[in-house]
Amino acid sequence: MSSSNNAKFITFEGIDGCGKSTQAKLLLEYMNKSGVETILVREPGGTNISESIREILLHSSSGQMGDRTESLLMTASRAQLTQEVIIPNMEQGKFVIADRYSDSTLAYQGGGRNLDIEWLIELNNYATFTLLPDITFFVDIRPEEALRRLDNNKDRIEGIGIEFQTRVRKTYHELAERFNDRYVILDGYGEKGDIHQKVLNEMRRRKFVS
């Protein structure tokens, strides 16, 4: 699926604690100040149904959840968000920024949980009506630094451990190589203002903003 107007779909990805949420919010502020109608969504969540699924996914009491169950719940949340929020707003010509999207399932359930990536891609395509981001900003830091930033404020998935996050990060790099037409890797160790400027520079280079 692609938009027939000037709307763009922008995603931010990375391991937990990388700073992607900060960058997504900074871009939202810039776009709105620039007069570009833009909304920000997060995953999992973003609708009443999706937020209910989020509670199940991230609560510590769900520790015995099967890997396939986790993948199906993630994509169910995404399907609702895409149908209820993302596509309608893009059809109105609005930019949509997503704090995580389909690549998170590939990285976390594919890389982290060792599920089949190609199966997950098919699952994502069905859930998202084949909607793909116009650009994906991957904020990259090492797992050791990410866990240090998170400290004790971890949900069920964030608390799995460093080996899991290492596999997730490795998969993100593989995705960046595979989908290099839309992926932009950002050094997550920089000052947030400097990283934000790099985001804007890339947006301007692609003529998404003036």
Protein backbone atom coordinates (compact mmCIF):
# COMPACT_ATOMS: atom_id res chain seq x y z
CA MET A 1 0.00 0.00 0.00
CA SER A 2 1.20 3.51 -0.77
CA SER A 3 -0.32 6.93 -0.23
CA SER A 4 -1.67 8.84 -3.23
CA ASN A 5 -1.08 12.23 -1.60
CA ASN A 6 1.93 13.91 0.00
CA ALA A 7 1.53 12.16 3.35
CA LYS A 8 4.60 10.36 4.64
CA PHE A 9 4.97 7.52 7.11
CA ILE A 10 8.06 7.85 9.31
CA THR A 11 9.18 5.21 11.80
CA PHE A 12 11.75 5.19 14.58
CA GLU A 13 13.33 1.89 15.57
CA GLY A 14 16.01 0.60 17.92
CA ILE A 15 16.58 -1.45 21.02
CA ASP A 16 14.90 -0.35 24.24
CA GLY A 17 16.69 2.62 25.79
CA CYS A 18 18.25 3.88 22.56
CA GLY A 19 16.48 7.27 22.57
CA LYS A 20 14.16 6.71 19.61
CA SER A 21 11.08 7.90 21.52
CA THR A 22 12.80 11.21 22.26
CA GLN A 23 13.65 11.66 18.58
CA ALA A 24 10.11 10.81 17.50
CA LYS A 25 8.72 13.48 19.84
CA LEU A 26 11.27 16.06 18.68
CA LEU A 27 10.33 15.45 15.06
CA LEU A 28 6.63 15.75 15.90
CA GLU A 29 7.26 19.13 17.56
CA TYR A 30 9.25 20.34 14.55
CA MET A 31 6.63 19.22 12.03
CA ASN A 32 3.75 20.83 13.89
CA LYS A 33 5.67 24.08 14.36
CA SER A 34 6.40 24.02 10.63
CA GLY A 35 2.70 23.82 9.84
CA VAL A 36 2.74 20.20 8.68
CA GLU A 37 -0.16 18.24 10.14
CA THR A 38 1.48 15.31 11.89
CA ILE A 39 0.50 12.72 14.46
CA LEU A 40 2.64 10.44 16.62
CA VAL A 41 1.71 6.87 17.47
CA ARG A 42 3.49 4.25 19.52
CA GLU A 43 3.67 0.47 19.44
CA PRO A 44 2.29 -1.60 20.89
CA GLY A 45 -0.68 0.66 21.57
CA GLY A 46 -2.29 3.73 20.04
CA THR A 47 -5.96 2.64 20.16
CA ASN A 48 -8.18 1.33 22.94
CA ILE A 49 -7.88 -2.22 21.64
CA SER A 50 -4.14 -1.91 21.00
CA GLU A 51 -3.51 -0.48 24.47
CA SER A 52 -5.34 -3.44 26.02
CA ILE A 53 -3.08 -5.78 24.06
CA ARG A 54 -0.07 -3.75 25.21
CA GLU A 55 -0.97 -4.38 28.85
CA ILE A 56 -1.01 -8.12 28.22
CA LEU A 57 2.26 -8.05 26.27
CA LEU A 58 4.36 -6.00 28.66
CA HIS A 59 3.05 -6.98 32.09
CA SER A 60 5.39 -9.11 34.18
CA SER A 61 2.58 -11.61 34.85
CA SER A 62 2.77 -12.59 31.16
CA GLY A 63 6.22 -14.10 31.64
CA GLN A 64 5.17 -17.55 30.38
CA MET A 65 3.82 -16.19 27.09
CA GLY A 66 4.81 -18.27 24.06
CA ASP A 67 6.95 -16.65 21.38
CA ARG A 68 4.34 -17.16 18.66
CA THR A 69 1.63 -15.82 20.94
CA GLU A 70 3.76 -12.72 21.50
CA SER A 71 4.23 -12.25 17.75
CA LEU A 72 0.54 -12.65 17.00
CA LEU A 73 -0.46 -10.22 19.74
CA MET A 74 2.09 -7.66 18.53
CA THR A 75 0.78 -7.84 14.98
CA ALA A 76 -2.85 -7.80 16.16
CA SER A 77 -2.13 -4.54 17.98
CA ARG A 78 -0.45 -3.22 14.84
CA ALA A 79 -3.34 -4.24 12.61
CA GLN A 80 -5.80 -2.28 14.73
CA LEU A 81 -3.52 0.77 14.90
CA THR A 82 -2.94 0.72 11.15
CA GLN A 83 -6.61 0.38 10.25
CA GLU A 84 -8.01 2.74 12.87
CA VAL A 85 -5.37 5.49 13.00
CA ILE A 86 -2.48 5.36 10.54
CA ILE A 87 -4.25 4.79 7.23
CA PRO A 88 -7.16 7.22 7.89
CA ASN A 89 -4.76 10.00 8.86
CA MET A 90 -2.54 9.42 5.85
CA GLU A 91 -5.60 9.45 3.61
CA GLN A 92 -6.28 12.94 5.00
CA GLY A 93 -2.79 14.00 3.94
CA LYS A 94 -1.24 13.96 7.41
CA PHE A 95 2.26 12.78 8.20
CA VAL A 96 2.39 9.88 10.65
CA ILE A 97 5.37 9.24 12.93
CA ALA A 98 5.50 5.84 14.62
CA ASP A 99 7.57 4.99 17.67
CA ARG A 100 8.11 1.38 16.50
CA TYR A 101 6.31 -0.45 13.70
CA SER A 102 6.63 -3.70 11.79
CA ASP A 103 10.44 -3.85 11.94
CA SER A 104 10.22 -4.19 15.72
CA THR A 105 8.53 -7.56 15.25
CA LEU A 106 11.25 -8.66 12.84
CA ALA A 107 13.97 -7.57 15.26
CA TYR A 108 12.45 -8.67 18.57
CA GLN A 109 10.46 -11.76 17.67
CA GLY A 110 12.61 -12.68 14.66
CA GLY A 111 16.06 -11.86 15.97
CA GLY A 112 15.40 -11.91 19.70
CA ARG A 113 13.08 -14.93 19.78
CA ASN A 114 14.65 -16.70 16.77
CA LEU A 115 11.36 -16.96 14.87
CA ASP A 116 11.38 -17.18 11.08
CA ILE A 117 11.84 -13.69 9.62
CA GLU A 118 10.12 -14.48 6.32
CA TRP A 119 7.03 -15.78 8.15
CA LEU A 120 6.99 -12.62 10.25
CA ILE A 121 7.24 -10.45 7.12
CA GLU A 122 4.17 -12.21 5.68
CA LEU A 123 2.35 -11.78 8.99
CA ASN A 124 3.24 -8.09 9.06
CA ASN A 125 2.12 -7.57 5.48
CA TYR A 126 -1.28 -9.03 6.30
CA ALA A 127 -1.64 -7.00 9.50
CA THR A 128 -0.59 -3.70 7.93
CA PHE A 129 -2.35 -3.97 4.56
CA THR A 130 1.24 -4.05 3.14
CA LEU A 131 1.86 -0.51 4.42
CA LEU A 132 5.59 0.23 4.68
CA PRO A 133 7.36 3.29 6.09
CA ASP A 134 8.68 5.91 3.69
CA ILE A 135 11.71 6.25 5.96
CA THR A 136 12.94 4.40 9.04
CA PHE A 137 15.36 5.98 11.50
CA PHE A 138 17.29 3.33 13.41
CA VAL A 139 18.80 4.85 16.56
CA ASP A 140 21.75 2.58 17.30
CA ILE A 141 23.48 2.01 20.64
CA ARG A 142 25.10 -1.02 22.28
CA PRO A 143 22.90 -3.13 24.57
CA GLU A 144 25.13 -2.42 27.57
CA GLU A 145 24.44 1.31 27.29
CA ALA A 146 20.74 0.74 26.64
CA LEU A 147 20.34 -1.35 29.78
CA ARG A 148 22.28 1.23 31.79
CA ARG A 149 19.88 3.94 30.62
CA LEU A 150 16.85 1.84 31.46
CA ASP A 151 18.24 0.98 34.91
CA ASN A 152 15.40 -0.64 36.89
CA ASN A 153 12.57 0.81 34.80
CA LYS A 154 12.04 -2.23 32.56
CA ASP A 155 8.91 -3.96 31.30
CA ARG A 156 8.68 -7.70 30.60
CA ILE A 157 10.45 -7.56 27.24
CA GLU A 158 13.03 -4.94 28.23
CA GLY A 159 14.04 -7.06 31.21
CA ILE A 160 14.93 -10.20 29.25
CA GLY A 161 18.66 -9.48 29.24
CA ILE A 162 21.70 -8.43 27.26
CA GLU A 163 22.01 -11.50 25.02
CA PHE A 164 18.46 -10.98 23.79
CA GLN A 165 19.07 -7.27 23.12
CA THR A 166 22.30 -8.15 21.31
CA ARG A 167 20.39 -10.42 18.92
CA VAL A 168 17.78 -7.70 18.41
CA ARG A 169 20.42 -5.11 17.57
CA LYS A 170 22.14 -7.49 15.14
CA THR A 171 18.84 -8.06 13.36
CA TYR A 172 18.22 -4.32 13.08
CA HIS A 173 21.55 -3.97 11.29
CA GLU A 174 20.56 -6.80 8.95
CA LEU A 175 17.26 -5.07 8.24
CA ALA A 176 19.08 -1.79 7.57
CA GLU A 177 21.17 -3.56 4.95
CA ARG A 178 18.22 -5.40 3.42
CA PHE A 179 15.95 -2.34 3.29
CA ASN A 180 18.66 0.26 2.71
CA ASP A 181 16.40 2.41 0.53
CA ARG A 182 14.38 3.49 3.57
CA TYR A 183 16.75 2.88 6.51
CA VAL A 184 18.87 5.61 8.09
CA ILE A 185 21.21 4.61 10.92
CA LEU A 186 21.72 7.23 13.63
CA ASP A 187 24.45 7.13 16.26
CA GLY A 188 22.51 7.02 19.52
CA TYR A 189 25.49 8.27 21.55
CA GLY A 190 25.24 11.82 20.23
CA GLU A 191 23.49 14.73 21.92
CA LYS A 192 19.76 14.56 21.31
CA GLY A 193 19.81 17.93 19.52
CA ASP A 194 22.55 16.74 17.17
CA ILE A 195 20.68 13.52 16.42
CA HIS A 196 17.51 15.52 15.76
CA GLN A 197 19.40 17.72 13.29
CA LYS A 198 20.56 14.62 11.41
CA VAL A 199 16.94 13.47 11.22
CA LEU A 200 15.91 16.83 9.76
CA ASN A 201 18.82 16.81 7.31
CA GLU A 202 17.72 13.43 5.98
CA MET A 203 14.09 14.53 5.78
CA ARG A 204 15.16 17.56 3.75
CA ARG A 205 17.44 15.49 1.53
CA ARG A 206 14.49 13.32 0.61
CA LYS A 207 12.32 16.43 0.16
CA PHE A 208 9.86 15.32 2.85
CA VAL A 209 10.21 18.76 4.45
CA SER A 210 11.55 22.09 3.21
